[in-house]
Amino acid sequence: MAGEVFGRSADPVSIDVWSDVMCPFCYMGDALLGQALERFPHETVTRYHAFQLMPELPSDKPQNVLDILEREKGFPRAQAEAMNAQVAERGKSLGLDYRFDTALAVNTRDAHRLSHFAAAHGSQTALVHRLFKAFFTDGLNVADHDVLADLAAETGLDRAAALSALKNGDYDDAVDADIRQARELRVTGVPFFVIDGKYGVSGAQPVEAFLQALDTAWSDR
């Protein structure tokens, strides 16, 4: 009985998420995880970690996502548009509004640093959700420090403190640590979820897959 109340089973189930702001399946996976958590009866804690799909992109030269797919990835324009339309259609069923025609591809490192700033102030999940919407729906430049500071303020964080953290290079080491840990875990694609430090879920899986991993993690305590 004491073990049930005071032991590990009383701790929240941890969910560690590796994702990138400009990854469409990460946005989708986050929504699916959210639906699973609404049905999971036990307490959880979610932590977001940095992963950069295209770390070579500049921070000061926003580029259209379709142009990137065509030029950098070699997809014919029509194929890129068709792929994005399929993603947008699936996203719509989850209440997500993908607008690839206005999405601006940039280096996302500073967005990840801001995510760590938000985590330190108890607002990481809200900020990550806002970053996804800013990128995929609002067409905002998520490498621009003023834009990022505005998003921080929208989620209840102190704008001046967020801007100062961005300008001063705060949480750079935390981003490096995330990327290094992903490499150690052999994470090659995102989203990637680690449930309670033991069970991995790769990709934007159905809600039932997340629930199964959560239930297994809980029962194995």
Protein backbone atom coordinates (compact mmCIF):
# COMPACT_ATOMS: atom_id res chain seq x y z
CA MET A 1 0.00 0.00 0.00
CA ALA A 2 2.77 2.42 0.94
CA GLY A 3 4.51 1.60 -2.32
CA GLU A 4 1.38 2.46 -4.24
CA VAL A 5 1.04 5.82 -2.52
CA PHE A 6 4.64 6.87 -2.04
CA GLY A 7 6.61 4.77 -4.52
CA ARG A 8 7.27 5.05 -8.23
CA SER A 9 3.64 4.30 -9.09
CA ALA A 10 2.69 7.63 -7.50
CA ASP A 11 4.98 9.55 -9.87
CA PRO A 12 3.61 10.95 -13.14
CA VAL A 13 4.28 8.94 -16.28
CA SER A 14 7.01 10.80 -18.16
CA ILE A 15 6.76 11.48 -21.88
CA ASP A 16 9.89 12.72 -23.62
CA VAL A 17 9.27 14.05 -27.11
CA TRP A 18 11.88 14.73 -29.78
CA SER A 19 10.43 16.96 -32.49
CA ASP A 20 11.08 19.90 -34.77
CA VAL A 21 8.91 22.97 -35.18
CA MET A 22 8.85 22.63 -38.97
CA CYS A 23 8.05 18.90 -39.02
CA PRO A 24 4.43 18.39 -40.15
CA PHE A 25 4.22 14.93 -38.62
CA CYS A 26 5.49 16.28 -35.29
CA TYR A 27 2.55 18.69 -35.17
CA MET A 28 0.24 15.80 -36.00
CA GLY A 29 1.89 13.44 -33.52
CA ASP A 30 1.58 16.03 -30.78
CA ALA A 31 -2.16 16.33 -31.43
CA LEU A 32 -2.59 12.54 -31.39
CA LEU A 33 -0.63 12.29 -28.14
CA GLY A 34 -2.88 14.98 -26.69
CA GLN A 35 -5.96 12.93 -27.55
CA ALA A 36 -4.41 9.88 -25.92
CA LEU A 37 -3.60 11.82 -22.76
CA GLU A 38 -7.22 12.93 -22.49
CA ARG A 39 -8.18 9.26 -22.24
CA PHE A 40 -5.31 8.14 -20.00
CA PRO A 41 -6.49 8.17 -16.37
CA HIS A 42 -3.11 8.73 -14.70
CA GLU A 43 -0.98 11.82 -14.25
CA THR A 44 1.68 12.52 -16.89
CA VAL A 45 4.45 15.01 -17.49
CA THR A 46 5.61 15.88 -21.02
CA ARG A 47 9.06 17.22 -21.87
CA TYR A 48 10.00 18.42 -25.35
CA HIS A 49 13.48 17.98 -26.78
CA ALA A 50 15.17 19.54 -29.77
CA PHE A 51 15.70 17.82 -33.10
CA GLN A 52 16.58 19.71 -36.28
CA LEU A 53 15.48 18.24 -39.59
CA MET A 54 17.47 20.80 -41.58
CA PRO A 55 20.13 22.35 -39.33
CA GLU A 56 21.89 23.75 -42.39
CA LEU A 57 19.11 26.26 -43.09
CA PRO A 58 19.99 29.90 -42.36
CA SER A 59 18.18 31.88 -39.68
CA ASP A 60 18.10 35.12 -41.64
CA LYS A 61 16.74 33.94 -45.00
CA PRO A 62 13.21 32.48 -44.75
CA GLN A 63 12.33 30.22 -47.66
CA ASN A 64 9.03 28.81 -48.84
CA VAL A 65 8.59 25.19 -47.77
CA LEU A 66 7.54 24.10 -51.25
CA ASP A 67 10.67 25.70 -52.72
CA ILE A 68 12.80 23.76 -50.22
CA LEU A 69 11.15 20.45 -51.12
CA GLU A 70 11.66 21.14 -54.79
CA ARG A 71 15.19 22.53 -54.67
CA GLU A 72 16.79 20.71 -51.72
CA LYS A 73 14.88 17.41 -51.68
CA GLY A 74 14.43 16.99 -55.43
CA PHE A 75 10.64 16.65 -55.46
CA PRO A 76 8.85 17.92 -58.58
CA ARG A 77 6.62 20.86 -57.64
CA ALA A 78 3.40 19.00 -58.39
CA GLN A 79 4.49 16.05 -56.27
CA ALA A 80 5.46 18.30 -53.36
CA GLU A 81 2.10 20.05 -53.53
CA ALA A 82 0.24 16.72 -53.63
CA MET A 83 2.19 15.38 -50.63
CA ASN A 84 1.47 18.51 -48.62
CA ALA A 85 -2.21 18.38 -49.59
CA GLN A 86 -2.44 14.84 -48.19
CA VAL A 87 -0.80 15.94 -44.94
CA ALA A 88 -3.11 18.95 -44.70
CA GLU A 89 -6.16 16.75 -45.22
CA ARG A 90 -5.12 14.36 -42.48
CA GLY A 91 -4.31 17.28 -40.22
CA LYS A 92 -7.75 18.76 -40.76
CA SER A 93 -9.29 15.64 -39.20
CA LEU A 94 -7.29 16.46 -36.05
CA GLY A 95 -8.29 20.10 -36.01
CA LEU A 96 -4.96 21.30 -37.44
CA ASP A 97 -4.73 23.94 -40.16
CA TYR A 98 -1.71 23.36 -42.41
CA ARG A 99 -0.95 26.16 -44.87
CA PHE A 100 2.18 25.03 -46.66
CA ASP A 101 1.93 27.78 -49.25
CA THR A 102 2.83 30.39 -46.63
CA ALA A 103 5.06 28.32 -44.30
CA LEU A 104 8.59 29.73 -44.02
CA ALA A 105 11.46 27.26 -43.64
CA VAL A 106 14.22 28.59 -41.38
CA ASN A 107 16.78 27.33 -38.91
CA THR A 108 14.78 26.25 -35.85
CA ARG A 109 17.57 26.23 -33.28
CA ASP A 110 16.43 29.45 -31.59
CA ALA A 111 12.85 28.18 -31.43
CA HIS A 112 14.18 25.14 -29.58
CA ARG A 113 16.14 27.39 -27.22
CA LEU A 114 12.94 29.28 -26.49
CA SER A 115 11.23 25.96 -25.77
CA HIS A 116 13.79 25.31 -23.05
CA PHE A 117 13.27 28.82 -21.70
CA ALA A 118 9.54 28.05 -21.50
CA ALA A 119 10.25 24.74 -19.77
CA ALA A 120 12.26 26.56 -17.12
CA HIS A 121 9.23 28.77 -16.49
CA GLY A 122 6.58 26.03 -16.51
CA SER A 123 5.04 26.78 -19.90
CA GLN A 124 6.78 24.51 -22.41
CA THR A 125 3.77 22.61 -23.72
CA ALA A 126 1.79 25.79 -24.41
CA LEU A 127 4.75 27.35 -26.20
CA VAL A 128 5.46 24.29 -28.34
CA HIS A 129 1.81 24.22 -29.42
CA ARG A 130 2.02 27.91 -30.30
CA LEU A 131 5.25 27.41 -32.26
CA PHE A 132 3.64 24.70 -34.39
CA LYS A 133 0.67 26.95 -35.17
CA ALA A 134 2.94 29.90 -35.86
CA PHE A 135 4.88 27.90 -38.42
CA PHE A 136 2.18 25.84 -40.12
CA THR A 137 -0.86 28.13 -39.92
CA ASP A 138 0.28 31.70 -39.39
CA GLY A 139 3.25 31.72 -41.76
CA LEU A 140 5.48 33.37 -39.15
CA ASN A 141 9.27 33.40 -39.17
CA VAL A 142 10.12 31.23 -36.15
CA ALA A 143 13.78 32.21 -36.32
CA ASP A 144 13.06 35.90 -35.78
CA HIS A 145 13.72 36.86 -32.17
CA ASP A 146 10.97 39.46 -31.99
CA VAL A 147 8.44 36.98 -33.38
CA LEU A 148 9.58 34.35 -30.88
CA ALA A 149 9.37 36.82 -28.00
CA ASP A 150 5.83 37.74 -29.07
CA LEU A 151 4.86 34.05 -29.09
CA ALA A 152 6.36 33.65 -25.62
CA ALA A 153 4.26 36.56 -24.38
CA GLU A 154 1.13 35.04 -25.93
CA THR A 155 1.65 31.94 -23.80
CA GLY A 156 2.04 33.93 -20.59
CA LEU A 157 5.82 34.25 -20.48
CA ASP A 158 7.70 37.49 -19.90
CA ARG A 159 8.48 38.93 -23.32
CA ALA A 160 11.55 40.91 -22.24
CA ALA A 161 13.03 37.91 -20.42
CA ALA A 162 12.40 35.66 -23.43
CA LEU A 163 14.02 38.17 -25.79
CA SER A 164 17.00 38.52 -23.47
CA ALA A 165 17.45 34.74 -23.35
CA LEU A 166 17.38 34.58 -27.14
CA LYS A 167 19.84 37.45 -27.57
CA ASN A 168 22.24 36.04 -24.97
CA GLY A 169 22.39 32.50 -26.37
CA ASP A 170 20.73 30.96 -23.32
CA TYR A 171 19.89 27.23 -23.46
CA ASP A 172 22.29 26.59 -26.35
CA ASP A 173 23.85 23.78 -24.31
CA ALA A 174 20.41 22.29 -23.63
CA VAL A 175 19.69 22.08 -27.36
CA ASP A 176 23.06 20.42 -27.96
CA ALA A 177 22.31 17.93 -25.17
CA ASP A 178 18.94 17.07 -26.74
CA ILE A 179 20.53 16.44 -30.13
CA ARG A 180 23.30 14.37 -28.58
CA GLN A 181 20.80 12.26 -26.62
CA ALA A 182 18.74 11.68 -29.76
CA ARG A 183 21.88 10.41 -31.46
CA GLU A 184 22.58 8.08 -28.52
CA LEU A 185 19.02 6.75 -28.75
CA ARG A 186 19.54 6.27 -32.51
CA VAL A 187 16.65 8.59 -33.31
CA THR A 188 16.80 9.16 -37.06
CA GLY A 189 13.36 10.68 -37.58
CA VAL A 190 10.78 12.63 -35.66
CA PRO A 191 8.46 12.74 -33.89
CA PHE A 192 9.91 10.25 -31.44
CA PHE A 193 8.35 9.63 -28.04
CA VAL A 194 9.85 7.86 -25.03
CA ILE A 195 7.26 6.77 -22.47
CA ASP A 196 8.47 6.48 -18.88
CA GLY A 197 12.06 6.15 -20.08
CA LYS A 198 11.41 2.67 -21.51
CA TYR A 199 8.94 2.52 -24.38
CA GLY A 200 9.49 4.21 -27.71
CA VAL A 201 6.79 5.37 -30.12
CA SER A 202 8.03 6.55 -33.50
CA GLY A 203 6.01 8.77 -35.82
CA ALA A 204 2.48 10.18 -35.78
CA GLN A 205 0.90 6.93 -34.61
CA PRO A 206 -2.82 6.41 -33.95
CA VAL A 207 -4.17 7.35 -30.53
CA GLU A 208 -4.48 3.65 -29.65
CA ALA A 209 -0.72 3.15 -30.10
CA PHE A 210 0.02 5.92 -27.60
CA LEU A 211 -2.56 4.54 -25.17
CA GLN A 212 -1.06 1.07 -25.41
CA ALA A 213 2.43 2.41 -24.63
CA LEU A 214 1.09 4.49 -21.74
CA ASP A 215 -0.90 1.58 -20.28
CA THR A 216 2.09 -0.76 -20.61
CA ALA A 217 4.38 1.73 -18.92
CA TRP A 218 1.92 2.15 -16.06
CA SER A 219 1.32 -1.57 -15.55
CA ASP A 220 5.07 -2.29 -15.59
CA ARG A 221 5.75 -0.04 -12.61
